[in-house]
Amino acid sequence: MPLYKTIHPNSQTTVKIWKITESYDDLMQGIDLKPKSLERVLAMKSEMHQRGFLSVRHLLKEFGYTDAELHYDANGKPYLKDGKYISITHSFTFSAIIISDYKIGVDIEKQREKIVRIANRFVDYESQYLTDENIECVKKLTVIWCIKESLYKLFATSGLSFKKHTLVIPFTLEDKSTTAWIDYENKKQRFTANYLEFEGFTCAYVMS
């Protein structure tokens, strides 16, 4: 079973990462999908997206939940009815879920050079500490993107801009954690951001 990694940032929070190596048919085994989920996965045109969707259901099972216990609000944010907070992500061959007693967000992204070309869409303050060294710049930009995407998932507020309303304090790739802020409508909130790299991917998660 390809449960890739389990992380316990604190006693109330758990992150589980899945490496998607199974076929679509294999991933359909061992889980029960509610009708709406089955309809959704069958309608997906990309097998990669189907496998990502199904791997998330296997991760839910690792946490002791079923697909029927996962719900989405009007904004598409996932939630559990037992009061726990949940955030979900998948990218290519990896997926992850974080569950906590606190508000949280998680994101996984593949490290790709094209992120340099789109950096001006989500980076403002952070450009002050980014280097020109290509490999390090790609990795740092991917960390920044993952942190900001995680903040967006946690905050779940329409109109939040990565570039205008979020910032990530200077960090090194070796630090594995930093501080991030949301400054939205004259209200500032501070968050702890953790990140890790594996097999050409970056995963970040933020906690309030």
Protein backbone atom coordinates (compact mmCIF):
# COMPACT_ATOMS: atom_id res chain seq x y z
CA MET A 1 0.00 0.00 0.00
CA PRO A 2 1.65 3.23 -1.15
CA LEU A 3 1.08 5.41 1.90
CA TYR A 4 4.23 7.42 1.29
CA LYS A 5 4.63 9.45 4.45
CA THR A 6 2.83 10.35 7.66
CA ILE A 7 3.68 13.57 9.51
CA HIS A 8 2.51 14.71 12.94
CA PRO A 9 3.21 18.47 13.21
CA ASN A 10 1.53 18.43 16.63
CA SER A 11 -0.72 16.17 18.68
CA GLN A 12 -3.88 17.54 17.02
CA THR A 13 -2.69 17.50 13.40
CA THR A 14 -1.76 14.73 10.95
CA VAL A 15 -0.59 14.86 7.34
CA LYS A 16 -0.68 11.75 5.16
CA ILE A 17 0.90 11.61 1.68
CA TRP A 18 0.10 8.95 -0.91
CA LYS A 19 2.28 7.98 -3.87
CA ILE A 20 -0.05 7.08 -6.72
CA THR A 21 1.44 3.96 -8.30
CA GLU A 22 -1.72 1.90 -8.75
CA SER A 23 -3.89 1.68 -11.83
CA TYR A 24 -7.38 3.15 -11.95
CA ASP A 25 -8.87 -0.35 -11.58
CA ASP A 26 -6.72 -1.13 -8.54
CA LEU A 27 -7.65 2.16 -6.88
CA MET A 28 -11.35 1.42 -7.37
CA GLN A 29 -10.92 -1.60 -5.12
CA GLY A 30 -11.28 -1.42 -1.33
CA ILE A 31 -13.27 1.83 -1.13
CA ASP A 32 -16.97 2.67 -1.27
CA LEU A 33 -17.95 5.75 -3.25
CA LYS A 34 -21.22 7.57 -2.73
CA PRO A 35 -23.23 7.99 -5.96
CA LYS A 36 -22.20 11.61 -6.45
CA SER A 37 -18.51 10.73 -6.14
CA LEU A 38 -18.83 7.79 -8.52
CA GLU A 39 -20.56 10.02 -11.06
CA ARG A 40 -17.82 12.62 -10.65
CA VAL A 41 -14.91 10.21 -11.14
CA LEU A 42 -16.53 8.51 -14.15
CA ALA A 43 -16.98 11.91 -15.80
CA MET A 44 -13.30 12.79 -15.55
CA LYS A 45 -11.56 12.69 -18.93
CA SER A 46 -8.05 12.30 -17.52
CA GLU A 47 -7.06 9.01 -15.91
CA MET A 48 -4.45 10.91 -13.91
CA HIS A 49 -7.22 13.01 -12.34
CA GLN A 50 -9.28 9.89 -11.70
CA ARG A 51 -6.37 8.23 -9.93
CA GLY A 52 -5.72 11.37 -7.89
CA PHE A 53 -9.37 11.53 -6.85
CA LEU A 54 -9.42 7.85 -5.86
CA SER A 55 -6.09 8.03 -4.01
CA VAL A 56 -7.61 10.76 -1.82
CA ARG A 57 -10.41 8.33 -0.89
CA HIS A 58 -7.79 5.77 0.12
CA LEU A 59 -6.11 8.42 2.27
CA LEU A 60 -9.47 9.14 3.90
CA LYS A 61 -9.68 5.45 4.72
CA GLU A 62 -6.22 5.65 6.32
CA PHE A 63 -7.63 8.33 8.61
CA GLY A 64 -10.66 6.16 9.41
CA TYR A 65 -13.17 8.10 7.29
CA THR A 66 -15.30 7.03 4.35
CA ASP A 67 -16.13 8.92 1.19
CA ALA A 68 -19.66 9.41 2.54
CA GLU A 69 -18.22 11.44 5.44
CA LEU A 70 -16.46 13.93 3.17
CA HIS A 71 -18.54 16.94 2.19
CA TYR A 72 -17.99 20.19 0.26
CA ASP A 73 -19.44 23.62 0.98
CA ALA A 74 -20.77 26.11 -1.57
CA ASN A 75 -17.22 27.32 -2.28
CA GLY A 76 -15.92 23.80 -2.88
CA LYS A 77 -14.07 23.62 0.43
CA PRO A 78 -14.03 20.11 1.94
CA TYR A 79 -15.30 19.56 5.47
CA LEU A 80 -16.06 16.82 7.97
CA LYS A 81 -19.11 16.87 10.19
CA ASP A 82 -17.23 15.71 13.30
CA GLY A 83 -15.69 19.16 13.79
CA LYS A 84 -12.23 18.31 12.44
CA TYR A 85 -10.72 20.53 9.76
CA ILE A 86 -9.55 18.92 6.51
CA SER A 87 -7.59 20.02 3.45
CA ILE A 88 -6.86 17.97 0.33
CA THR A 89 -4.41 18.15 -2.58
CA HIS A 90 -3.08 16.04 -5.43
CA SER A 91 -0.56 16.67 -8.19
CA PHE A 92 0.48 14.12 -10.80
CA THR A 93 1.68 11.08 -8.81
CA PHE A 94 1.17 12.34 -5.25
CA SER A 95 -1.81 13.26 -3.10
CA ALA A 96 -2.12 14.41 0.51
CA ILE A 97 -4.66 15.08 3.22
CA ILE A 98 -4.20 17.08 6.41
CA ILE A 99 -6.69 16.77 9.27
CA SER A 100 -6.54 18.86 12.43
CA ASP A 101 -8.45 20.41 15.31
CA TYR A 102 -7.29 23.76 13.89
CA LYS A 103 -7.80 25.51 10.56
CA ILE A 104 -5.27 24.17 8.09
CA GLY A 105 -4.37 24.02 4.40
CA VAL A 106 -2.13 21.75 2.30
CA ASP A 107 -0.77 21.76 -1.24
CA ILE A 108 1.52 19.58 -3.36
CA GLU A 109 3.12 20.75 -6.60
CA LYS A 110 5.60 19.29 -9.03
CA GLN A 111 8.78 21.38 -9.30
CA ARG A 112 8.79 22.75 -12.85
CA GLU A 113 10.77 25.54 -14.49
CA LYS A 114 7.65 27.18 -15.89
CA ILE A 115 6.92 28.54 -12.41
CA VAL A 116 9.64 31.16 -13.02
CA ARG A 117 7.65 32.51 -15.97
CA ILE A 118 4.46 32.96 -13.93
CA ALA A 119 6.12 34.15 -10.71
CA ASN A 120 4.95 37.74 -11.20
CA ARG A 121 1.36 36.53 -10.82
CA PHE A 122 1.82 35.46 -7.20
CA VAL A 123 5.08 36.96 -5.92
CA ASP A 124 5.56 40.51 -4.66
CA TYR A 125 7.40 40.95 -1.34
CA GLU A 126 9.12 37.55 -1.78
CA SER A 127 11.07 38.75 -4.84
CA GLN A 128 13.38 40.57 -2.42
CA TYR A 129 14.97 37.32 -1.23
CA LEU A 130 14.76 35.11 -4.33
CA THR A 131 18.08 34.33 -6.02
CA ASP A 132 18.92 34.16 -9.71
CA GLU A 133 20.22 30.61 -9.39
CA ASN A 134 17.73 28.69 -11.50
CA ILE A 135 17.36 25.40 -9.60
CA GLU A 136 17.12 27.09 -6.19
CA CYS A 137 14.75 29.71 -7.59
CA VAL A 138 12.41 27.03 -8.99
CA LYS A 139 12.38 25.19 -5.68
CA LYS A 140 11.81 28.35 -3.62
CA LEU A 141 9.07 29.57 -5.91
CA THR A 142 7.37 26.19 -5.62
CA VAL A 143 7.53 26.43 -1.82
CA ILE A 144 6.04 29.94 -1.97
CA TRP A 145 3.27 28.82 -4.31
CA CYS A 146 2.43 25.79 -2.13
CA ILE A 147 2.32 27.94 1.00
CA LYS A 148 0.10 30.56 -0.64
CA GLU A 149 -2.20 27.93 -2.11
CA SER A 150 -2.46 26.37 1.36
CA LEU A 151 -3.31 29.77 2.83
CA TYR A 152 -5.99 30.23 0.18
CA LYS A 153 -7.53 26.86 1.07
CA LEU A 154 -7.46 27.67 4.77
CA PHE A 155 -8.86 31.20 4.40
CA ALA A 156 -11.48 30.22 1.81
CA THR A 157 -12.51 33.79 1.07
CA SER A 158 -13.46 35.02 -2.39
CA GLY A 159 -11.27 37.87 -3.58
CA LEU A 160 -8.08 36.82 -1.76
CA SER A 161 -5.10 37.56 -4.02
CA PHE A 162 -1.89 35.55 -3.70
CA LYS A 163 0.14 38.59 -4.74
CA LYS A 164 -1.70 41.35 -2.88
CA HIS A 165 -2.90 39.66 0.30
CA THR A 166 -0.38 36.96 1.23
CA LEU A 167 3.32 36.97 1.99
CA VAL A 168 5.94 34.43 2.99
CA ILE A 169 8.78 35.42 5.33
CA PRO A 170 12.36 34.71 4.04
CA PHE A 171 13.42 31.08 4.36
CA THR A 172 16.03 28.60 3.15
CA LEU A 173 15.20 25.22 1.64
CA GLU A 174 16.86 23.62 4.64
CA ASP A 175 14.67 25.42 7.19
CA LYS A 176 11.58 23.27 6.50
CA SER A 177 9.38 25.93 8.11
CA THR A 178 8.69 29.65 7.97
CA THR A 179 6.02 32.21 8.81
CA ALA A 180 3.31 33.35 6.42
CA TRP A 181 0.79 36.17 6.64
CA ILE A 182 -2.59 37.04 5.22
CA ASP A 183 -3.29 40.79 5.08
CA TYR A 184 -6.85 41.11 3.85
CA GLU A 185 -9.25 44.01 4.33
CA ASN A 186 -7.08 45.57 7.07
CA LYS A 187 -6.96 42.33 9.04
CA LYS A 188 -3.61 40.61 9.47
CA GLN A 189 -3.29 36.93 10.41
CA ARG A 190 -0.09 35.00 11.08
CA PHE A 191 0.40 31.32 10.22
CA THR A 192 3.06 28.67 10.64
CA ALA A 193 4.09 27.15 7.30
CA ASN A 194 5.96 23.85 6.96
CA TYR A 195 7.32 22.37 3.74
CA LEU A 196 9.24 19.36 2.45
CA GLU A 197 10.64 18.10 -0.85
CA PHE A 198 10.54 14.57 -2.29
CA GLU A 199 11.05 13.05 -5.73
CA GLY A 200 10.85 16.39 -7.53
CA PHE A 201 7.74 17.55 -5.67
CA THR A 202 7.12 20.10 -2.92
CA CYS A 203 4.47 19.82 -0.21
CA ALA A 204 3.56 22.65 2.13
CA TYR A 205 0.98 22.92 4.87
CA VAL A 206 -0.09 25.87 7.00
CA MET A 207 -1.70 26.03 10.42
CA SER A 208 -3.38 28.85 12.28
